[in-house]
Amino acid sequence: MKQALLNLWNWFLDLFRTRYIVSVSYNSQWGDADDKIYTDVRKIIKTTDKILEFTDKEKNRVVIRSAAGLNYRIEVQ
């Protein structure tokens, strides 16, 4: 019973949380083998042209850096 109420409460809170889909390309062409897609991103911490920092679905901090610059897309899920 307690677990069912906890699941219901988490479902209700998820209605108000914003999640993101982050697509990162390490070169200027999209669709290459080097592209990486992160789904269910909880929070975007820092976005600049050379640094992208966010928290993933397991609450781990992910930092992506590139000296030449990053190509990334952030979409609301």
PDB file of N, CA and C in Angstrom:
ATOM      1  N   MET A   1       0.819  -1.194   0.000  1.00  0.00           N
ATOM      2  CA  MET A   1       0.000   0.000   0.000  1.00  0.00           C
ATOM      3  C   MET A   1       0.865   1.261   0.000  1.00  0.00           C
ATOM      4  N   LYS A   2       1.904   1.230   0.843  1.00  0.00           N
ATOM      5  CA  LYS A   2       2.778   2.392   0.930  1.00  0.00           C
ATOM      6  C   LYS A   2       3.503   2.625  -0.400  1.00  0.00           C
ATOM      7  N   GLN A   3       3.947   1.560  -1.046  1.00  0.00           N
ATOM      8  CA  GLN A   3       4.646   1.681  -2.326  1.00  0.00           C
ATOM      9  C   GLN A   3       3.710   2.212  -3.417  1.00  0.00           C
ATOM     10  N   ALA A   4       2.454   1.793  -3.387  1.00  0.00           N
ATOM     11  CA  ALA A   4       1.483   2.272  -4.370  1.00  0.00           C
ATOM     12  C   ALA A   4       1.245   3.776  -4.207  1.00  0.00           C
ATOM     13  N   LEU A   5       1.147   4.253  -2.986  1.00  0.00           N
ATOM     14  CA  LEU A   5       0.976   5.684  -2.742  1.00  0.00           C
ATOM     15  C   LEU A   5       2.222   6.475  -3.156  1.00  0.00           C
ATOM     16  N   LEU A   6       3.398   5.903  -2.921  1.00  0.00           N
ATOM     17  CA  LEU A   6       4.638   6.552  -3.327  1.00  0.00           C
ATOM     18  C   LEU A   6       4.731   6.641  -4.853  1.00  0.00           C
ATOM     19  N   ASN A   7       4.345   5.578  -5.547  1.00  0.00           N
ATOM     20  CA  ASN A   7       4.329   5.601  -7.008  1.00  0.00           C
ATOM     21  C   ASN A   7       3.340   6.619  -7.548  1.00  0.00           C
ATOM     22  N   LEU A   8       2.185   6.729  -6.935  1.00  0.00           N
ATOM     23  CA  LEU A   8       1.190   7.711  -7.340  1.00  0.00           C
ATOM     24  C   LEU A   8       1.706   9.131  -7.126  1.00  0.00           C
ATOM     25  N   TRP A   9       2.370   9.370  -6.006  1.00  0.00           N
ATOM     26  CA  TRP A   9       2.927  10.691  -5.727  1.00  0.00           C
ATOM     27  C   TRP A   9       4.018  11.048  -6.739  1.00  0.00           C
ATOM     28  N   ASN A  10       4.909  10.108  -7.056  1.00  0.00           N
ATOM     29  CA  ASN A  10       5.958  10.361  -8.053  1.00  0.00           C
ATOM     30  C   ASN A  10       5.368  10.606  -9.440  1.00  0.00           C
ATOM     31  N   TRP A  11       4.323   9.893  -9.796  1.00  0.00           N
ATOM     32  CA  TRP A  11       3.653  10.115 -11.078  1.00  0.00           C
ATOM     33  C   TRP A  11       3.076  11.529 -11.141  1.00  0.00           C
ATOM     34  N   PHE A  12       2.463  11.971 -10.065  1.00  0.00           N
ATOM     35  CA  PHE A  12       1.892  13.308  -9.998  1.00  0.00           C
ATOM     36  C   PHE A  12       2.980  14.382 -10.124  1.00  0.00           C
ATOM     37  N   LEU A  13       4.101  14.189  -9.439  1.00  0.00           N
ATOM     38  CA  LEU A  13       5.189  15.160  -9.524  1.00  0.00           C
ATOM     39  C   LEU A  13       5.816  15.188 -10.917  1.00  0.00           C
ATOM     40  N   ASP A  14       5.865  14.056 -11.613  1.00  0.00           N
ATOM     41  CA  ASP A  14       6.420  14.007 -12.967  1.00  0.00           C
ATOM     42  C   ASP A  14       5.598  14.825 -13.962  1.00  0.00           C
ATOM     43  N   LEU A  15       4.355  15.085 -13.653  1.00  0.00           N
ATOM     44  CA  LEU A  15       3.543  15.914 -14.534  1.00  0.00           C
ATOM     45  C   LEU A  15       4.056  17.347 -14.607  1.00  0.00           C
ATOM     46  N   PHE A  16       4.787  17.794 -13.582  1.00  0.00           N
ATOM     47  CA  PHE A  16       5.258  19.167 -13.500  1.00  0.00           C
ATOM     48  C   PHE A  16       6.752  19.319 -13.727  1.00  0.00           C
ATOM     49  N   ARG A  17       7.466  18.231 -13.932  1.00  0.00           N
ATOM     50  CA  ARG A  17       8.907  18.292 -14.169  1.00  0.00           C
ATOM     51  C   ARG A  17       9.193  18.374 -15.659  1.00  0.00           C
ATOM     52  N   THR A  18      10.172  19.178 -16.006  1.00  0.00           N
ATOM     53  CA  THR A  18      10.586  19.319 -17.396  1.00  0.00           C
ATOM     54  C   THR A  18      11.788  18.421 -17.638  1.00  0.00           C
ATOM     55  N   ARG A  19      11.719  17.608 -18.673  1.00  0.00           N
ATOM     56  CA  ARG A  19      12.834  16.736 -19.076  1.00  0.00           C
ATOM     57  C   ARG A  19      13.287  17.160 -20.468  1.00  0.00           C
ATOM     58  N   TYR A  20      14.543  16.882 -20.776  1.00  0.00           N
ATOM     59  CA  TYR A  20      15.136  17.320 -22.029  1.00  0.00           C
ATOM     60  C   TYR A  20      15.744  16.141 -22.791  1.00  0.00           C
ATOM     61  N   ILE A  21      15.899  16.331 -24.093  1.00  0.00           N
ATOM     62  CA  ILE A  21      16.657  15.434 -24.951  1.00  0.00           C
ATOM     63  C   ILE A  21      17.826  16.251 -25.482  1.00  0.00           C
ATOM     64  N   VAL A  22      19.053  15.797 -25.205  1.00  0.00           N
ATOM     65  CA  VAL A  22      20.249  16.514 -25.620  1.00  0.00           C
ATOM     66  C   VAL A  22      20.958  15.688 -26.686  1.00  0.00           C
ATOM     67  N   SER A  23      21.168  16.293 -27.855  1.00  0.00           N
ATOM     68  CA  SER A  23      21.904  15.655 -28.948  1.00  0.00           C
ATOM     69  C   SER A  23      23.217  16.406 -29.116  1.00  0.00           C
ATOM     70  N   VAL A  24      24.338  15.659 -29.100  1.00  0.00           N
ATOM     71  CA  VAL A  24      25.662  16.270 -29.196  1.00  0.00           C
ATOM     72  C   VAL A  24      26.379  15.703 -30.412  1.00  0.00           C
ATOM     73  N   SER A  25      26.934  16.589 -31.236  1.00  0.00           N
ATOM     74  CA  SER A  25      27.771  16.188 -32.363  1.00  0.00           C
ATOM     75  C   SER A  25      29.133  16.836 -32.175  1.00  0.00           C
ATOM     76  N   TYR A  26      30.180  16.033 -32.290  1.00  0.00           N
ATOM     77  CA  TYR A  26      31.527  16.534 -32.051  1.00  0.00           C
ATOM     78  C   TYR A  26      32.161  17.160 -33.296  1.00  0.00           C
ATOM     79  N   ASN A  27      31.466  17.079 -34.426  1.00  0.00           N
ATOM     80  CA  ASN A  27      31.925  17.777 -35.625  1.00  0.00           C
ATOM     81  C   ASN A  27      30.741  18.544 -36.199  1.00  0.00           C
ATOM     82  N   SER A  28      30.892  19.104 -37.378  1.00  0.00           N
ATOM     83  CA  SER A  28      29.848  19.969 -37.918  1.00  0.00           C
ATOM     84  C   SER A  28      28.740  19.212 -38.644  1.00  0.00           C
ATOM     85  N   GLN A  29      28.851  17.891 -38.807  1.00  0.00           N
ATOM     86  CA  GLN A  29      27.833  17.113 -39.523  1.00  0.00           C
ATOM     87  C   GLN A  29      26.996  16.301 -38.545  1.00  0.00           C
ATOM     88  N   TRP A  30      25.673  16.423 -38.695  1.00  0.00           N
ATOM     89  CA  TRP A  30      24.757  15.635 -37.878  1.00  0.00           C
ATOM     90  C   TRP A  30      24.527  14.289 -38.555  1.00  0.00           C
ATOM     91  N   GLY A  31      24.355  13.240 -37.770  1.00  0.00           N
ATOM     92  CA  GLY A  31      24.065  11.924 -38.308  1.00  0.00           C
ATOM     93  C   GLY A  31      25.290  11.054 -38.476  1.00  0.00           C
ATOM     94  N   ASP A  32      26.447  11.503 -38.018  1.00  0.00           N
ATOM     95  CA  ASP A  32      27.665  10.702 -38.086  1.00  0.00           C
ATOM     96  C   ASP A  32      27.688   9.678 -36.957  1.00  0.00           C
ATOM     97  N   ALA A  33      28.744   8.887 -36.956  1.00  0.00           N
ATOM     98  CA  ALA A  33      28.912   7.886 -35.904  1.00  0.00           C
ATOM     99  C   ALA A  33      29.319   8.510 -34.575  1.00  0.00           C
ATOM    100  N   ASP A  34      29.813   9.743 -34.589  1.00  0.00           N
ATOM    101  CA  ASP A  34      30.256  10.370 -33.342  1.00  0.00           C
ATOM    102  C   ASP A  34      29.136  11.068 -32.583  1.00  0.00           C
ATOM    103  N   ASP A  35      27.947  11.122 -33.125  1.00  0.00           N
ATOM    104  CA  ASP A  35      26.823  11.779 -32.446  1.00  0.00           C
ATOM    105  C   ASP A  35      26.373  10.956 -31.241  1.00  0.00           C
ATOM    106  N   LYS A  36      25.976  11.646 -30.204  1.00  0.00           N
ATOM    107  CA  LYS A  36      25.483  10.972 -29.002  1.00  0.00           C
ATOM    108  C   LYS A  36      24.207  11.666 -28.556  1.00  0.00           C
ATOM    109  N   ILE A  37      23.205  10.875 -28.162  1.00  0.00           N
ATOM    110  CA  ILE A  37      21.909  11.404 -27.739  1.00  0.00           C
ATOM    111  C   ILE A  37      21.664  10.998 -26.285  1.00  0.00           C
ATOM    112  N   TYR A  38      21.368  11.972 -25.456  1.00  0.00           N
ATOM    113  CA  TYR A  38      21.023  11.746 -24.051  1.00  0.00           C
ATOM    114  C   TYR A  38      19.530  12.019 -23.894  1.00  0.00           C
ATOM    115  N   THR A  39      18.785  11.043 -23.415  1.00  0.00           N
ATOM    116  CA  THR A  39      17.352  11.218 -23.193  1.00  0.00           C
ATOM    117  C   THR A  39      17.078  11.335 -21.702  1.00  0.00           C
ATOM    118  N   ASP A  40      15.962  11.910 -21.369  1.00  0.00           N
ATOM    119  CA  ASP A  40      15.502  12.062 -19.984  1.00  0.00           C
ATOM    120  C   ASP A  40      16.511  12.828 -19.126  1.00  0.00           C
ATOM    121  N   VAL A  41      17.041  13.925 -19.667  1.00  0.00           N
ATOM    122  CA  VAL A  41      17.968  14.786 -18.939  1.00  0.00           C
ATOM    123  C   VAL A  41      17.176  15.616 -17.947  1.00  0.00           C
ATOM    124  N   ARG A  42      17.603  15.606 -16.704  1.00  0.00           N
ATOM    125  CA  ARG A  42      16.868  16.289 -15.650  1.00  0.00           C
ATOM    126  C   ARG A  42      17.088  17.797 -15.639  1.00  0.00           C
ATOM    127  N   LYS A  43      18.363  18.224 -15.751  1.00  0.00           N
ATOM    128  CA  LYS A  43      18.655  19.650 -15.574  1.00  0.00           C
ATOM    129  C   LYS A  43      19.851  20.039 -16.433  1.00  0.00           C
ATOM    130  N   ILE A  44      19.722  21.170 -17.119  1.00  0.00           N
ATOM    131  CA  ILE A  44      20.821  21.752 -17.878  1.00  0.00           C
ATOM    132  C   ILE A  44      21.537  22.729 -16.948  1.00  0.00           C
ATOM    133  N   ILE A  45      22.816  22.513 -16.705  1.00  0.00           N
ATOM    134  CA  ILE A  45      23.544  23.347 -15.751  1.00  0.00           C
ATOM    135  C   ILE A  45      24.279  24.483 -16.449  1.00  0.00           C
ATOM    136  N   LYS A  46      25.043  24.168 -17.517  1.00  0.00           N
ATOM    137  CA  LYS A  46      25.829  25.201 -18.182  1.00  0.00           C
ATOM    138  C   LYS A  46      25.897  24.907 -19.674  1.00  0.00           C
ATOM    139  N   THR A  47      25.643  25.929 -20.483  1.00  0.00           N
ATOM    140  CA  THR A  47      25.764  25.790 -21.925  1.00  0.00           C
ATOM    141  C   THR A  47      26.554  26.966 -22.469  1.00  0.00           C
ATOM    142  N   THR A  48      27.700  26.662 -23.043  1.00  0.00           N
ATOM    143  CA  THR A  48      28.485  27.643 -23.777  1.00  0.00           C
ATOM    144  C   THR A  48      28.872  26.998 -25.099  1.00  0.00           C
ATOM    145  N   ASP A  49      29.640  27.703 -25.915  1.00  0.00           N
ATOM    146  CA  ASP A  49      30.013  27.116 -27.198  1.00  0.00           C
ATOM    147  C   ASP A  49      31.061  26.014 -27.059  1.00  0.00           C
ATOM    148  N   LYS A  50      31.759  25.929 -25.916  1.00  0.00           N
ATOM    149  CA  LYS A  50      32.783  24.903 -25.727  1.00  0.00           C
ATOM    150  C   LYS A  50      32.490  23.938 -24.588  1.00  0.00           C
ATOM    151  N   ILE A  51      31.516  24.236 -23.739  1.00  0.00           N
ATOM    152  CA  ILE A  51      31.198  23.384 -22.584  1.00  0.00           C
ATOM    153  C   ILE A  51      29.693  23.163 -22.516  1.00  0.00           C
ATOM    154  N   LEU A  52      29.308  21.909 -22.290  1.00  0.00           N
ATOM    155  CA  LEU A  52      27.912  21.551 -22.050  1.00  0.00           C
ATOM    156  C   LEU A  52      27.888  20.703 -20.788  1.00  0.00           C
ATOM    157  N   GLU A  53      27.113  21.130 -19.799  1.00  0.00           N
ATOM    158  CA  GLU A  53      27.065  20.433 -18.522  1.00  0.00           C
ATOM    159  C   GLU A  53      25.609  20.233 -18.132  1.00  0.00           C
ATOM    160  N   PHE A  54      25.255  18.990 -17.760  1.00  0.00           N
ATOM    161  CA  PHE A  54      23.879  18.676 -17.385  1.00  0.00           C
ATOM    162  C   PHE A  54      23.850  17.490 -16.444  1.00  0.00           C
ATOM    163  N   THR A  55      22.662  17.229 -15.885  1.00  0.00           N
ATOM    164  CA  THR A  55      22.426  16.094 -15.005  1.00  0.00           C
ATOM    165  C   THR A  55      21.557  15.097 -15.739  1.00  0.00           C
ATOM    166  N   ASP A  56      21.997  13.823 -15.785  1.00  0.00           N
ATOM    167  CA  ASP A  56      21.250  12.809 -16.530  1.00  0.00           C
ATOM    168  C   ASP A  56      20.180  12.164 -15.662  1.00  0.00           C
ATOM    169  N   LYS A  57      19.526  11.121 -16.191  1.00  0.00           N
ATOM    170  CA  LYS A  57      18.389  10.527 -15.483  1.00  0.00           C
ATOM    171  C   LYS A  57      18.781   9.776 -14.222  1.00  0.00           C
ATOM    172  N   GLU A  58      20.050   9.362 -14.094  1.00  0.00           N
ATOM    173  CA  GLU A  58      20.516   8.711 -12.866  1.00  0.00           C
ATOM    174  C   GLU A  58      21.124   9.696 -11.881  1.00  0.00           C
ATOM    175  N   LYS A  59      20.907  10.993 -12.120  1.00  0.00           N
ATOM    176  CA  LYS A  59      21.397  12.096 -11.288  1.00  0.00           C
ATOM    177  C   LYS A  59      22.917  12.204 -11.299  1.00  0.00           C
ATOM    178  N   ASN A  60      23.558  11.750 -12.386  1.00  0.00           N
ATOM    179  CA  ASN A  60      24.996  11.912 -12.566  1.00  0.00           C
ATOM    180  C   ASN A  60      25.265  13.179 -13.353  1.00  0.00           C
ATOM    181  N   ARG A  61      26.292  13.907 -12.965  1.00  0.00           N
ATOM    182  CA  ARG A  61      26.662  15.125 -13.681  1.00  0.00           C
ATOM    183  C   ARG A  61      27.516  14.745 -14.888  1.00  0.00           C
ATOM    184  N   VAL A  62      27.140  15.243 -16.057  1.00  0.00           N
ATOM    185  CA  VAL A  62      27.846  14.978 -17.304  1.00  0.00           C
ATOM    186  C   VAL A  62      28.397  16.294 -17.821  1.00  0.00           C
ATOM    187  N   VAL A  63      29.713  16.309 -18.090  1.00  0.00           N
ATOM    188  CA  VAL A  63      30.370  17.491 -18.627  1.00  0.00           C
ATOM    189  C   VAL A  63      31.008  17.099 -19.952  1.00  0.00           C
ATOM    190  N   ILE A  64      30.654  17.820 -21.016  1.00  0.00           N
ATOM    191  CA  ILE A  64      31.214  17.573 -22.335  1.00  0.00           C
ATOM    192  C   ILE A  64      31.952  18.835 -22.747  1.00  0.00           C
ATOM    193  N   ARG A  65      33.251  18.671 -23.087  1.00  0.00           N
ATOM    194  CA  ARG A  65      34.077  19.816 -23.464  1.00  0.00           C
ATOM    195  C   ARG A  65      34.715  19.556 -24.817  1.00  0.00           C
ATOM    196  N   SER A  66      34.925  20.622 -25.551  1.00  0.00           N
ATOM    197  CA  SER A  66      35.615  20.546 -26.830  1.00  0.00           C
ATOM    198  C   SER A  66      36.335  21.861 -27.073  1.00  0.00           C
ATOM    199  N   ALA A  67      37.602  21.775 -27.415  1.00  0.00           N
ATOM    200  CA  ALA A  67      38.381  22.986 -27.663  1.00  0.00           C
ATOM    201  C   ALA A  67      37.950  23.671 -28.956  1.00  0.00           C
ATOM    202  N   ALA A  68      37.492  22.877 -29.923  1.00  0.00           N
ATOM    203  CA  ALA A  68      37.082  23.435 -31.209  1.00  0.00           C
ATOM    204  C   ALA A  68      35.647  23.940 -31.198  1.00  0.00           C
ATOM    205  N   GLY A  69      34.898  23.623 -30.171  1.00  0.00           N
ATOM    206  CA  GLY A  69      33.491  24.029 -30.105  1.00  0.00           C
ATOM    207  C   GLY A  69      32.574  22.834 -30.254  1.00  0.00           C
ATOM    208  N   LEU A  70      31.408  22.901 -29.656  1.00  0.00           N
ATOM    209  CA  LEU A  70      30.433  21.818 -29.683  1.00  0.00           C
ATOM    210  C   LEU A  70      29.233  22.199 -30.553  1.00  0.00           C
ATOM    211  N   ASN A  71      28.640  21.206 -31.143  1.00  0.00           N
ATOM    212  CA  ASN A  71      27.352  21.354 -31.804  1.00  0.00           C
ATOM    213  C   ASN A  71      26.363  20.526 -31.010  1.00  0.00           C
ATOM    214  N   TYR A  72      25.363  21.162 -30.429  1.00  0.00           N
ATOM    215  CA  TYR A  72      24.391  20.421 -29.634  1.00  0.00           C
ATOM    216  C   TYR A  72      23.002  21.010 -29.846  1.00  0.00           C
ATOM    217  N   ARG A  73      22.018  20.146 -29.596  1.00  0.00           N
ATOM    218  CA  ARG A  73      20.605  20.536 -29.637  1.00  0.00           C
ATOM    219  C   ARG A  73      19.984  20.138 -28.314  1.00  0.00           C
ATOM    220  N   ILE A  74      19.168  21.014 -27.756  1.00  0.00           N
ATOM    221  CA  ILE A  74      18.435  20.730 -26.537  1.00  0.00           C
ATOM    222  C   ILE A  74      16.954  20.859 -26.863  1.00  0.00           C
ATOM    223  N   GLU A  75      16.216  19.761 -26.656  1.00  0.00           N
ATOM    224  CA  GLU A  75      14.783  19.737 -26.936  1.00  0.00           C
ATOM    225  C   GLU A  75      14.026  19.387 -25.662  1.00  0.00           C
ATOM    226  N   VAL A  76      12.871  19.974 -25.483  1.00  0.00           N
ATOM    227  CA  VAL A  76      12.010  19.635 -24.355  1.00  0.00           C
ATOM    228  C   VAL A  76      11.267  18.361 -24.691  1.00  0.00           C
ATOM    229  N   GLN A  77      11.275  17.426 -23.773  1.00  0.00           N
ATOM    230  CA  GLN A  77      10.663  16.117 -24.005  1.00  0.00           C
ATOM    231  C   GLN A  77       9.187  16.151 -23.787  1.00  0.00           C
TER     232      GLN A  77
END
